[in-house]
Amino acid sequence: MPATPARPSSTPAPTSSSVVLNHVTFAWPDGDVVLDDVTVAFGPGRTGLVGRNGAGKSTLLRLVAGELTPTSGAVTTHGDVAWVPQDLVVRDTGATVADLLGVGTRLRAFRAIESGEPDPARLAAHFEALADDWEVEQHAADAARACGLTAADLDRPAATLSGGETILAAVRAARDARASVTLLDEPTNNLDRRARERLHVMLDSWPGTLLVVSHDRELLDLLDRTAEVRTGAVDVFGGTFTQYEEHLAVEQDAAARAVRTAEQRLRAEKRDRIETETRLARSAKAGRKAAESMPKILANARKSAAEGTAGKRRGLADDRVDAARDAVDQAEGRVRDDDRVHVDLPGTAVPAGRRLVEVDPDRTVDGRGLVLQGPERVALVGDNGAGKSTLLDALLAGTGGRVLTDRVGYLHQRLVLGDERGGPAGEARTVLDVVRAAAPDVPPGQVRDRLARFLLRGRTVERPVGSLSGAERFRVALACQLLREPHLLVLDEPTNNLDLGTVDQLVDALAGYRGGLLVVSHDERFLERIGAGYDGTRPGRRWLVERGCGVREVTVLSA
């Protein structure tokens, strides 16, 4: 079952560090280096792994789990390793919820003993499987409730659970198994607010060593340490993600000052080099004039000496310029070059009174219709399975209300680039072709300029979309929608699977959007940043979908 130990200990001796990577390099068969000579150790406690999409976070987990083998170096683990992958799928069609929770075998053994198993051999096997866990029914019921389920759900096929319920059950099983090392890859993806709160409770006081890949700021701030995977290296910070960002901001401010100081020094050395040449030129001119009245042998000797001195002075000045230039390069190397998206979209502006979306009264809880108008930003929220996507599809299809503009941009949760069917043909089209097809009204000469504002520059725009990283694909999809200048923009769970830097880029892009926004998201911090949640000064507007009841409007008055 998922979350059972992925591999046994590779070293039996106890240690303060449960996971050790020693000079580990990992490269894919095409030569792309993901980790480069990494030496790092993770001890007991909870560590959040952060970094850009494609930086190597999930690759690091797979190396620790034993799914991948380092190109060079060694990965050592002390104790058993359990792993809950990002896209967990229950492949055993006969597995029950109890099996997913890791108590199925013991629960069935207890029931067989309690019912009076007549076969002595089977009875002995049941006692062995039970392992003296006579409270297994209570333990199983507690585990189910921790996942938002009930004791009655224990015999349900595990395959009938939602994706979020499956993840919670697997995480609970990993916790109860008390593995020495547990690996979680993006556990909050697709979890609603209640499910996230349940996960947070599970992560509290986690036994052993826990490594969590996540872009969820709220979750990361619950953990003890932060490790960033960046440019092939791994840096560990002894604090939460917010504390790490604060530390990084101070560090980057100092690095920027160092660059300015180094650049000033370089300019000064260049001025000194010019002044040195000027003085040498004047000295040479004076020497030539004096040589006219000297014996030739003496003039030649003085000329040779002067040239030697000038050469030394030039060499010293050049050395100083080179040293200053090296100092600039070193200082710039400590400054991060994480670009930000800067787009201005005046064509998306909508007057404040213009209606863009109307929800039919029969879809609402109180029988009164809901309206989104002008540049309003509304979050469509609710529990998993409540019907958010159903309502969204109904609105766009005109069966649950009306969309009162034909200028609609829709960024799907699943990014399909190239054509609506996807597939090899679509994936082979270039970024430039894909964006031109999506935004045909943008003059061809302006497409490259506008793409550059989405950080899609140079040769990148000539690459096939199938070769892009996750972050690049997202920016292409966003550019396809925003460059059409829609008056209504619909986003469906836009932050799922996005690293924190790409989420920042999405927030930056939406800052220049002036139309109406309808967004489905469980990410409270994201909703706050884009103006659909309480931001400390104004309330956030929400349409809350309640299972079996419909939708109603609520106002968010606190963070």
Protein backbone atom coordinates (compact mmCIF):
# COMPACT_ATOMS: atom_id res chain seq x y z
CA MET A 1 0.00 0.00 0.00
CA PRO A 2 1.13 3.61 -0.40
CA ALA A 3 3.17 5.12 2.41
CA THR A 4 4.53 1.77 3.58
CA PRO A 5 8.32 1.70 3.87
CA ALA A 6 9.82 2.37 0.46
CA ARG A 7 13.10 0.71 1.26
CA PRO A 8 14.95 -0.67 4.29
CA SER A 9 17.77 1.07 6.06
CA SER A 10 21.00 1.19 4.10
CA THR A 11 22.97 1.57 7.34
CA PRO A 12 21.91 -0.08 10.61
CA ALA A 13 23.88 2.12 13.00
CA PRO A 14 22.00 4.98 14.72
CA THR A 15 23.01 8.55 13.97
CA SER A 16 21.86 12.08 14.64
CA SER A 17 21.34 12.49 10.88
CA SER A 18 18.72 10.17 9.42
CA VAL A 19 19.44 11.11 5.79
CA VAL A 20 22.88 11.98 4.43
CA LEU A 21 23.78 12.94 0.87
CA ASN A 22 27.54 12.79 0.39
CA HIS A 23 28.90 14.53 -2.74
CA VAL A 24 25.78 13.51 -4.66
CA THR A 25 25.46 14.41 -8.32
CA PHE A 26 22.44 13.41 -10.36
CA ALA A 27 22.01 13.95 -14.10
CA TRP A 28 19.33 12.69 -16.46
CA PRO A 29 20.36 10.57 -19.46
CA ASP A 30 20.27 13.64 -21.72
CA GLY A 31 23.01 15.21 -19.58
CA ASP A 32 20.79 17.68 -17.71
CA VAL A 33 22.37 18.04 -14.25
CA VAL A 34 19.80 18.37 -11.45
CA LEU A 35 22.01 18.08 -8.36
CA ASP A 36 25.70 18.92 -8.49
CA ASP A 37 28.08 17.58 -5.81
CA VAL A 38 25.55 18.03 -2.99
CA THR A 39 26.57 17.24 0.57
CA VAL A 40 23.77 17.72 3.08
CA ALA A 41 22.29 15.96 6.11
CA PHE A 42 18.74 15.90 7.51
CA GLY A 43 18.18 14.96 11.14
CA PRO A 44 15.05 14.29 13.21
CA GLY A 45 12.37 16.94 12.87
CA ARG A 46 10.37 18.47 10.03
CA THR A 47 12.09 20.06 7.03
CA GLY A 48 10.35 21.85 4.17
CA LEU A 49 11.98 21.54 0.74
CA VAL A 50 11.43 24.58 -1.46
CA GLY A 51 12.69 25.71 -4.85
CA ARG A 52 11.65 26.50 -8.41
CA ASN A 53 9.78 23.97 -10.56
CA GLY A 54 12.42 21.69 -12.02
CA ALA A 55 15.04 22.61 -9.41
CA GLY A 56 15.24 19.00 -8.21
CA LYS A 57 13.04 18.79 -5.10
CA SER A 58 11.10 15.69 -6.14
CA THR A 59 14.28 14.21 -7.60
CA LEU A 60 15.93 14.57 -4.19
CA LEU A 61 13.01 12.73 -2.55
CA ARG A 62 13.24 9.93 -5.12
CA LEU A 63 16.95 9.58 -4.44
CA VAL A 64 16.29 9.28 -0.71
CA ALA A 65 13.47 6.79 -1.35
CA GLY A 66 15.78 4.68 -3.51
CA GLU A 67 13.74 5.15 -6.69
CA LEU A 68 16.71 6.85 -8.37
CA THR A 69 20.42 6.15 -8.13
CA PRO A 70 22.94 9.03 -7.94
CA THR A 71 25.18 9.57 -10.94
CA SER A 72 27.96 9.88 -8.38
CA GLY A 73 28.20 10.12 -4.61
CA ALA A 74 26.13 8.26 -2.03
CA VAL A 75 22.76 8.57 -0.28
CA THR A 76 22.62 7.03 3.19
CA THR A 77 19.48 6.55 5.26
CA HIS A 78 19.25 5.30 8.84
CA GLY A 79 16.03 3.41 9.49
CA ASP A 80 13.10 2.63 7.21
CA VAL A 81 11.82 5.14 4.65
CA ALA A 82 8.14 5.83 3.84
CA TRP A 83 7.12 7.89 0.83
CA VAL A 84 3.82 9.54 -0.12
CA PRO A 85 4.17 10.72 -3.75
CA GLN A 86 2.47 13.77 -5.22
CA ASP A 87 0.01 11.99 -7.53
CA LEU A 88 -0.90 9.05 -5.35
CA VAL A 89 -3.05 6.43 -7.07
CA VAL A 90 -4.50 3.34 -5.39
CA ARG A 91 -3.69 0.58 -7.88
CA ASP A 92 -4.95 -2.37 -5.81
CA THR A 93 -8.61 -2.60 -6.82
CA GLY A 94 -9.37 -4.78 -3.81
CA ALA A 95 -7.85 -2.41 -1.26
CA THR A 96 -10.13 -0.83 1.33
CA VAL A 97 -9.86 2.45 3.20
CA ALA A 98 -8.59 0.44 6.17
CA ASP A 99 -5.79 -0.92 3.96
CA LEU A 100 -4.89 2.59 2.83
CA LEU A 101 -4.75 3.61 6.50
CA GLY A 102 -2.38 0.73 7.18
CA VAL A 103 -4.75 -1.15 9.54
CA GLY A 104 -6.60 -3.43 7.11
CA THR A 105 -4.72 -6.65 7.89
CA ARG A 106 -4.97 -6.19 11.67
CA LEU A 107 -8.63 -5.18 11.48
CA ARG A 108 -9.58 -8.25 9.47
CA ALA A 109 -7.57 -10.46 11.84
CA PHE A 110 -9.35 -8.98 14.88
CA ARG A 111 -12.76 -9.51 13.29
CA ALA A 112 -11.91 -13.13 12.41
CA ILE A 113 -10.78 -13.84 15.99
CA GLU A 114 -13.84 -12.10 17.42
CA SER A 115 -16.18 -14.09 15.16
CA GLY A 116 -14.64 -17.39 16.38
CA GLU A 117 -12.38 -18.60 13.57
CA PRO A 118 -12.64 -22.41 13.77
CA ASP A 119 -9.48 -23.33 11.85
CA PRO A 120 -6.51 -23.52 14.30
CA ALA A 121 -3.93 -22.67 11.64
CA ARG A 122 -5.88 -19.63 10.42
CA LEU A 123 -6.55 -18.59 14.00
CA ALA A 124 -2.81 -18.66 14.75
CA ALA A 125 -2.13 -16.57 11.63
CA HIS A 126 -4.75 -14.04 12.73
CA PHE A 127 -3.18 -13.74 16.18
CA GLU A 128 0.21 -13.17 14.56
CA ALA A 129 -1.22 -10.54 12.19
CA LEU A 130 -3.03 -8.77 15.04
CA ALA A 131 0.26 -8.36 16.95
CA ASP A 132 -1.61 -7.80 20.25
CA ASP A 133 -3.34 -4.69 18.89
CA TRP A 134 -6.64 -5.46 20.65
CA GLU A 135 -7.73 -1.84 20.28
CA VAL A 136 -7.38 -1.95 16.49
CA GLU A 137 -11.04 -1.06 15.87
CA GLN A 138 -10.68 2.10 17.94
CA HIS A 139 -7.33 2.90 16.33
CA ALA A 140 -8.84 2.43 12.86
CA ALA A 141 -11.85 4.62 13.69
CA ASP A 142 -9.57 7.35 15.08
CA ALA A 143 -7.45 7.24 11.93
CA ALA A 144 -10.52 7.51 9.71
CA ARG A 145 -11.90 10.49 11.66
CA ALA A 146 -8.53 12.24 11.40
CA CYS A 147 -9.03 12.12 7.62
CA GLY A 148 -12.59 13.43 7.70
CA LEU A 149 -14.04 9.92 7.28
CA THR A 150 -16.02 7.67 9.64
CA ALA A 151 -15.67 4.15 10.96
CA ALA A 152 -18.31 3.11 8.43
CA ASP A 153 -15.92 4.12 5.63
CA LEU A 154 -13.23 1.63 6.67
CA ASP A 155 -14.62 -1.12 4.41
CA ARG A 156 -15.13 1.19 1.42
CA PRO A 157 -12.97 0.52 -1.65
CA ALA A 158 -10.00 2.88 -1.36
CA ALA A 159 -10.39 3.75 -5.04
CA THR A 160 -13.69 5.53 -4.26
CA LEU A 161 -11.97 8.20 -2.17
CA SER A 162 -11.28 11.64 -3.59
CA GLY A 163 -7.72 12.62 -4.33
CA GLY A 164 -7.54 14.72 -1.17
CA GLU A 165 -8.99 11.95 1.01
CA THR A 166 -6.48 9.50 -0.47
CA ILE A 167 -3.54 11.77 0.37
CA LEU A 168 -4.77 12.34 3.94
CA ALA A 169 -5.23 8.61 4.51
CA ALA A 170 -1.75 7.84 3.15
CA VAL A 171 -0.16 10.56 5.31
CA ARG A 172 -2.00 9.26 8.39
CA ALA A 173 -0.77 5.72 7.60
CA ALA A 174 2.79 7.00 7.30
CA ARG A 175 2.51 8.78 10.65
CA ASP A 176 1.07 5.73 12.42
CA ALA A 177 3.76 3.50 10.88
CA ARG A 178 6.36 5.69 12.61
CA ALA A 179 8.97 5.20 9.90
CA SER A 180 12.37 6.64 10.69
CA VAL A 181 12.19 8.82 7.55
CA THR A 182 9.00 9.99 5.83
CA LEU A 183 8.87 11.81 2.50
CA LEU A 184 5.83 13.87 1.42
CA ASP A 185 5.65 15.42 -2.06
CA GLU A 186 3.22 18.38 -2.36
CA PRO A 187 0.70 16.92 0.13
CA THR A 188 -1.66 19.95 0.10
CA ASN A 189 -2.39 19.92 -3.64
CA ASN A 190 -6.17 19.81 -4.19
CA LEU A 191 -6.91 19.88 -0.45
CA ASP A 192 -9.69 22.20 0.71
CA ARG A 193 -9.40 24.30 3.88
CA ARG A 194 -10.72 21.60 6.22
CA ALA A 195 -8.51 18.94 4.70
CA ARG A 196 -5.46 21.21 5.04
CA GLU A 197 -6.26 21.78 8.68
CA ARG A 198 -6.45 18.02 9.21
CA LEU A 199 -3.09 17.61 7.50
CA HIS A 200 -1.58 20.32 9.69
CA VAL A 201 -2.74 18.43 12.80
CA MET A 202 -1.11 15.24 11.47
CA LEU A 203 2.19 17.05 10.87
CA ASP A 204 2.32 18.37 14.42
CA SER A 205 5.05 16.63 16.48
CA TRP A 206 5.80 14.20 13.68
CA PRO A 207 7.89 11.22 14.85
CA GLY A 208 11.29 10.75 13.22
CA THR A 209 12.56 12.69 10.21
CA LEU A 210 10.06 14.34 7.86
CA LEU A 211 10.96 15.88 4.49
CA VAL A 212 8.13 17.79 2.80
CA VAL A 213 8.24 19.25 -0.72
CA SER A 214 5.69 22.06 -0.78
CA HIS A 215 4.85 25.52 -2.11
CA ASP A 216 2.18 26.01 0.59
CA ARG A 217 3.44 28.87 2.75
CA GLU A 218 1.09 28.07 5.61
CA LEU A 219 2.32 24.48 5.78
CA LEU A 220 5.98 25.49 5.43
CA ASP A 221 5.61 27.84 8.38
CA LEU A 222 4.58 24.89 10.57
CA LEU A 223 7.86 23.07 9.96
CA ASP A 224 11.12 23.31 11.88
CA ARG A 225 13.58 23.91 9.06
CA THR A 226 13.69 25.07 5.44
CA ALA A 227 15.94 23.64 2.74
CA GLU A 228 16.13 25.31 -0.66
CA VAL A 229 17.10 23.40 -3.80
CA ARG A 230 18.61 25.89 -6.23
CA THR A 231 21.05 25.72 -9.16
CA GLY A 232 22.05 22.17 -8.29
CA ALA A 233 22.78 22.88 -4.62
CA VAL A 234 20.86 22.45 -1.35
CA ASP A 235 21.01 25.06 1.44
CA VAL A 236 19.49 24.36 4.86
CA PHE A 237 18.16 27.09 7.14
CA GLY A 238 17.17 26.44 10.76
CA GLY A 239 13.78 28.15 10.72
CA THR A 240 10.39 28.42 9.04
CA PHE A 241 9.93 29.55 5.46
CA THR A 242 8.87 33.07 6.50
CA GLN A 243 11.99 33.36 8.65
CA TYR A 244 14.05 32.08 5.73
CA GLU A 245 12.56 34.71 3.42
CA GLU A 246 13.37 37.42 5.96
CA HIS A 247 16.94 36.09 6.27
CA LEU A 248 17.23 35.94 2.48
CA ALA A 249 15.96 39.51 2.12
CA VAL A 250 18.66 40.77 4.50
CA GLU A 251 21.27 38.68 2.70
CA GLN A 252 20.19 39.93 -0.72
CA ASP A 253 20.15 43.54 0.45
CA ALA A 254 23.75 43.11 1.61
CA ALA A 255 24.64 41.43 -1.68
CA ALA A 256 23.12 44.30 -3.67
CA ARG A 257 25.13 46.81 -1.62
CA ALA A 258 28.26 44.77 -2.24
CA VAL A 259 27.60 44.91 -5.99
CA ARG A 260 27.20 48.70 -5.88
CA THR A 261 30.43 49.05 -3.87
CA ALA A 262 32.30 46.74 -6.26
CA GLU A 263 30.98 48.64 -9.28
CA GLN A 264 32.09 51.96 -7.75
CA ARG A 265 35.53 50.49 -7.16
CA LEU A 266 35.66 49.22 -10.76
CA ARG A 267 34.73 52.67 -12.10
CA ALA A 268 37.43 54.24 -9.90
CA GLU A 269 40.08 51.77 -11.13
CA LYS A 270 39.08 52.43 -14.74
CA ARG A 271 39.45 56.18 -14.16
CA ASP A 272 42.86 55.58 -12.56
CA ARG A 273 43.83 53.45 -15.58
CA ILE A 274 42.88 56.30 -17.94
CA GLU A 275 44.79 58.81 -15.77
CA THR A 276 47.80 56.50 -15.77
CA GLU A 277 47.75 56.38 -19.57
CA THR A 278 47.44 60.18 -19.71
CA ARG A 279 50.43 60.68 -17.40
CA LEU A 280 52.47 58.11 -19.33
CA ALA A 281 51.63 59.82 -22.62
CA ARG A 282 52.73 63.20 -21.23
CA SER A 283 55.92 61.69 -19.81
CA ALA A 284 56.70 60.01 -23.13
CA LYS A 285 56.19 63.28 -24.99
CA ALA A 286 58.50 65.11 -22.59
CA GLY A 287 61.06 62.32 -22.90
CA ARG A 288 61.08 62.54 -26.69
CA LYS A 289 61.59 66.31 -26.52
CA ALA A 290 64.47 65.93 -24.02
CA ALA A 291 66.06 63.21 -26.14
CA GLU A 292 66.50 65.63 -29.01
CA SER A 293 69.32 67.38 -27.10
CA MET A 294 70.95 64.16 -25.74
CA PRO A 295 73.54 61.82 -27.17
CA LYS A 296 71.76 58.96 -29.00
CA ILE A 297 73.12 56.23 -26.72
CA LEU A 298 71.89 58.05 -23.60
CA ALA A 299 68.54 58.83 -25.21
CA ASN A 300 68.05 55.16 -26.10
CA ALA A 301 68.90 54.07 -22.57
CA ARG A 302 66.42 56.54 -21.06
CA LYS A 303 63.75 55.50 -23.57
CA SER A 304 64.24 51.83 -22.71
CA ALA A 305 64.02 52.57 -18.97
CA ALA A 306 60.91 54.75 -19.46
CA GLU A 307 59.19 52.05 -21.50
CA GLY A 308 59.95 49.48 -18.80
CA THR A 309 58.52 51.73 -16.10
CA ALA A 310 55.46 52.51 -18.23
CA GLY A 311 54.89 48.81 -18.83
CA LYS A 312 54.98 48.08 -15.11
CA ARG A 313 52.59 50.93 -14.35
CA ARG A 314 50.19 49.78 -17.09
CA GLY A 315 50.38 46.21 -15.84
CA LEU A 316 49.67 47.31 -12.27
CA ALA A 317 46.72 49.43 -13.42
CA ASP A 318 45.38 46.55 -15.55
CA ASP A 319 45.71 44.15 -12.60
CA ARG A 320 43.72 46.52 -10.42
CA VAL A 321 40.97 46.83 -13.05
CA ASP A 322 40.85 43.05 -13.47
CA ALA A 323 40.67 42.54 -9.69
CA ALA A 324 37.85 45.07 -9.43
CA ARG A 325 36.00 43.38 -12.30
CA ASP A 326 36.39 40.00 -10.58
CA ALA A 327 35.00 41.53 -7.39
CA VAL A 328 31.94 42.74 -9.32
CA ASP A 329 31.44 39.27 -10.82
CA GLN A 330 31.70 37.64 -7.40
CA ALA A 331 29.31 40.14 -5.84
CA GLU A 332 26.80 39.71 -8.68
CA GLY A 333 27.03 35.95 -8.22
CA ARG A 334 25.52 36.35 -4.75
CA VAL A 335 22.55 38.33 -6.08
CA ARG A 336 19.59 36.27 -7.24
CA ASP A 337 18.32 36.95 -10.72
CA ASP A 338 14.74 35.82 -10.10
CA ASP A 339 12.87 37.93 -12.63
CA ARG A 340 9.40 39.33 -12.09
CA VAL A 341 6.58 39.60 -14.59
CA HIS A 342 5.65 43.16 -15.52
CA VAL A 343 2.59 43.52 -17.78
CA ASP A 344 0.18 46.38 -18.31
CA LEU A 345 -3.18 45.40 -19.82
CA PRO A 346 -5.26 48.54 -20.37
CA GLY A 347 -7.40 46.71 -22.93
CA THR A 348 -8.84 44.51 -20.19
CA ALA A 349 -10.41 47.44 -18.29
CA VAL A 350 -14.12 47.05 -17.52
CA PRO A 351 -16.41 49.82 -16.12
CA ALA A 352 -17.43 49.31 -12.50
CA GLY A 353 -21.15 48.89 -13.26
CA ARG A 354 -20.88 46.46 -16.15
CA ARG A 355 -22.21 42.97 -15.41
CA LEU A 356 -19.96 40.11 -16.42
CA VAL A 357 -21.41 37.04 -14.67
CA GLU A 358 -24.90 36.26 -13.35
CA VAL A 359 -25.66 33.11 -11.31
CA ASP A 360 -29.24 31.83 -11.64
CA PRO A 361 -31.33 32.14 -8.44
CA ASP A 362 -32.10 28.40 -8.49
CA ARG A 363 -28.37 27.77 -8.03
CA THR A 364 -28.16 29.84 -4.85
CA VAL A 365 -28.96 28.95 -1.24
CA ASP A 366 -31.32 31.87 -0.65
CA GLY A 367 -32.92 31.96 -4.09
CA ARG A 368 -31.35 35.28 -5.03
CA GLY A 369 -29.00 35.56 -7.95
CA LEU A 370 -25.35 36.51 -7.65
CA VAL A 371 -23.56 39.01 -9.85
CA LEU A 372 -19.90 39.72 -10.70
CA GLN A 373 -19.43 43.09 -12.36
CA GLY A 374 -16.68 45.45 -13.43
CA PRO A 375 -13.18 44.78 -12.17
CA GLU A 376 -14.39 42.75 -9.17
CA ARG A 377 -12.36 39.78 -7.97
CA VAL A 378 -14.43 36.90 -6.59
CA ALA A 379 -13.14 33.63 -5.14
CA LEU A 380 -15.23 30.50 -5.74
CA VAL A 381 -14.60 28.34 -2.65
CA GLY A 382 -15.97 25.25 -0.92
CA ASP A 383 -15.05 21.79 0.28
CA ASN A 384 -13.67 19.18 -2.09
CA GLY A 385 -16.59 17.63 -3.95
CA ALA A 386 -19.01 20.46 -3.09
CA GLY A 387 -19.56 21.32 -6.74
CA LYS A 388 -17.27 24.26 -7.55
CA SER A 389 -16.14 22.87 -10.91
CA THR A 390 -19.72 21.86 -11.71
CA LEU A 391 -20.91 25.42 -11.10
CA LEU A 392 -18.02 26.84 -13.11
CA ASP A 393 -18.78 24.56 -16.07
CA ALA A 394 -22.48 25.45 -15.85
CA LEU A 395 -21.75 29.18 -15.90
CA LEU A 396 -19.45 28.90 -18.90
CA ALA A 397 -21.95 26.67 -20.72
CA GLY A 398 -24.83 29.04 -19.96
CA THR A 399 -26.84 26.42 -18.03
CA GLY A 400 -26.35 27.75 -14.49
CA GLY A 401 -26.36 31.42 -15.22
CA ARG A 402 -24.91 33.74 -17.83
CA VAL A 403 -21.54 35.07 -18.82
CA LEU A 404 -22.29 38.49 -20.32
CA THR A 405 -19.12 38.97 -22.37
CA ASP A 406 -17.55 37.04 -25.20
CA ARG A 407 -14.08 38.16 -24.12
CA VAL A 408 -13.37 35.35 -21.67
CA GLY A 409 -10.01 33.89 -20.69
CA TYR A 410 -9.99 30.49 -18.98
CA LEU A 411 -6.83 29.09 -17.43
CA HIS A 412 -7.53 25.42 -16.82
CA GLN A 413 -6.02 23.47 -13.98
CA ARG A 414 -4.55 21.13 -16.61
CA LEU A 415 -2.33 23.12 -18.97
CA VAL A 416 -2.79 22.10 -22.60
CA LEU A 417 -0.62 23.99 -25.06
CA GLY A 418 -0.42 23.82 -28.82
CA ASP A 419 -4.02 22.92 -29.61
CA GLU A 420 -7.14 21.97 -27.69
CA ARG A 421 -6.37 18.25 -28.06
CA GLY A 422 -2.76 18.47 -26.95
CA GLY A 423 -0.75 15.47 -28.11
CA PRO A 424 2.52 15.30 -30.07
CA ALA A 425 1.42 17.67 -32.83
CA GLY A 426 0.42 20.41 -30.41
CA GLU A 427 3.46 19.92 -28.20
CA ALA A 428 5.75 20.30 -31.23
CA ARG A 429 4.54 23.84 -32.01
CA THR A 430 6.75 26.71 -30.93
CA VAL A 431 5.91 29.17 -28.18
CA LEU A 432 5.62 31.91 -30.78
CA ASP A 433 3.15 29.92 -32.91
CA VAL A 434 1.03 28.94 -29.90
CA VAL A 435 0.72 32.50 -28.62
CA ARG A 436 0.05 33.94 -32.09
CA ALA A 437 -2.77 31.42 -32.54
CA ALA A 438 -4.25 32.22 -29.10
CA ALA A 439 -3.96 36.00 -29.48
CA PRO A 440 -4.31 36.68 -33.23
CA ASP A 441 -5.17 40.35 -32.68
CA VAL A 442 -1.73 41.11 -31.28
CA PRO A 443 0.41 42.48 -34.15
CA PRO A 444 3.17 39.97 -35.03
CA GLY A 445 5.84 42.59 -34.41
CA GLN A 446 4.64 43.06 -30.83
CA VAL A 447 4.34 39.39 -29.87
CA ARG A 448 8.01 38.97 -28.96
CA ASP A 449 8.04 42.20 -26.96
CA ARG A 450 4.96 41.19 -25.01
CA LEU A 451 6.25 37.67 -24.41
CA ALA A 452 9.44 39.15 -22.96
CA ARG A 453 7.30 40.72 -20.24
CA PHE A 454 6.22 37.20 -19.33
CA LEU A 455 9.94 36.27 -19.09
CA LEU A 456 9.79 34.38 -22.39
CA ARG A 457 12.76 35.81 -24.24
CA GLY A 458 15.31 35.09 -26.93
CA ARG A 459 15.50 31.53 -28.15
CA THR A 460 12.84 30.38 -25.68
CA VAL A 461 10.07 31.64 -27.98
CA GLU A 462 11.40 29.43 -30.80
CA ARG A 463 11.35 26.26 -28.68
CA PRO A 464 8.57 23.65 -28.96
CA VAL A 465 6.17 23.91 -26.02
CA GLY A 466 6.77 20.24 -25.25
CA SER A 467 10.35 21.06 -24.24
CA LEU A 468 9.45 23.75 -21.69
CA SER A 469 9.76 23.49 -17.92
CA GLY A 470 6.63 23.58 -15.78
CA ALA A 471 7.11 27.26 -14.93
CA GLU A 472 7.68 28.17 -18.59
CA ARG A 473 4.58 26.24 -19.68
CA PHE A 474 2.52 28.10 -17.10
CA ARG A 475 3.76 31.50 -18.29
CA VAL A 476 2.96 30.56 -21.91
CA ALA A 477 -0.57 29.49 -20.90
CA LEU A 478 -1.00 32.72 -18.92
CA ALA A 479 0.28 34.81 -21.83
CA CYS A 480 -2.14 33.06 -24.21
CA GLN A 481 -5.06 34.13 -22.02
CA LEU A 482 -3.98 37.62 -20.94
CA LEU A 483 -2.70 38.80 -24.33
CA ARG A 484 -6.21 38.24 -25.69
CA GLU A 485 -7.19 41.04 -23.25
CA PRO A 486 -10.24 39.28 -21.76
CA HIS A 487 -12.84 41.22 -19.80
CA LEU A 488 -13.46 38.13 -17.64
CA LEU A 489 -10.64 35.85 -16.51
CA VAL A 490 -11.44 32.47 -14.95
CA LEU A 491 -8.71 30.63 -13.04
CA ASP A 492 -9.16 27.04 -11.81
CA GLU A 493 -6.78 26.18 -8.94
CA PRO A 494 -3.99 28.20 -10.60
CA THR A 495 -1.39 27.69 -7.85
CA ASN A 496 -1.49 23.88 -7.84
CA ASN A 497 1.96 22.50 -8.68
CA LEU A 498 3.46 26.00 -8.97
CA ASP A 499 6.63 26.84 -7.08
CA LEU A 500 6.60 29.94 -4.89
CA GLY A 501 8.51 32.01 -7.45
CA THR A 502 6.00 31.21 -10.20
CA VAL A 503 3.11 32.06 -7.84
CA ASP A 504 4.80 35.43 -7.33
CA GLN A 505 4.95 35.86 -11.12
CA LEU A 506 1.24 35.07 -11.40
CA VAL A 507 0.44 37.67 -8.72
CA ASP A 508 2.60 40.20 -10.60
CA ALA A 509 0.79 39.47 -13.87
CA LEU A 510 -2.65 39.83 -12.28
CA ALA A 511 -1.62 43.21 -10.86
CA GLY A 512 -1.80 44.54 -14.42
CA TYR A 513 -5.16 42.88 -15.17
CA ARG A 514 -8.13 45.28 -15.04
CA GLY A 515 -11.09 43.05 -15.82
CA GLY A 516 -13.31 40.79 -13.72
CA LEU A 517 -11.70 37.78 -12.08
CA LEU A 518 -13.39 34.54 -10.95
CA VAL A 519 -10.90 32.19 -9.29
CA VAL A 520 -11.27 28.72 -7.79
CA SER A 521 -8.62 28.25 -5.11
CA HIS A 522 -7.99 26.89 -1.62
CA ASP A 523 -4.83 28.99 -1.27
CA GLU A 524 -5.84 31.70 1.22
CA ARG A 525 -2.55 33.58 0.96
CA PHE A 526 -2.85 33.72 -2.83
CA LEU A 527 -6.45 34.95 -2.66
CA GLU A 528 -5.39 37.67 -0.25
CA ARG A 529 -2.56 38.80 -2.51
CA ILE A 530 -4.73 39.12 -5.63
CA GLY A 531 -7.53 40.99 -3.86
CA ALA A 532 -10.04 38.13 -3.45
CA GLY A 533 -9.30 37.73 0.26
CA TYR A 534 -8.94 40.00 3.26
CA ASP A 535 -5.73 42.01 2.80
CA GLY A 536 -5.72 43.91 6.09
CA THR A 537 -7.71 46.86 4.78
CA ARG A 538 -10.69 45.60 2.79
CA PRO A 539 -12.90 42.49 2.95
CA GLY A 540 -12.67 39.73 0.42
CA ARG A 541 -15.64 38.60 -1.64
CA ARG A 542 -16.43 34.87 -1.89
CA TRP A 543 -19.01 32.61 -3.47
CA LEU A 544 -19.22 29.61 -1.15
CA VAL A 545 -20.50 26.38 -2.71
CA GLU A 546 -22.20 24.12 -0.14
CA ARG A 547 -22.66 20.47 -0.98
CA GLY A 548 -26.28 19.76 -1.91
CA CYS A 549 -27.43 23.31 -1.05
CA GLY A 550 -26.10 25.60 -3.73
CA VAL A 551 -23.96 28.72 -3.61
CA ARG A 552 -24.14 31.75 -1.35
CA GLU A 553 -22.09 34.91 -1.02
CA VAL A 554 -19.90 35.45 2.03
CA THR A 555 -17.58 38.26 3.04
CA VAL A 556 -14.12 37.61 4.45
CA LEU A 557 -13.40 40.15 7.18
CA SER A 558 -10.18 38.71 8.61
CA ALA A 559 -7.07 36.96 7.41
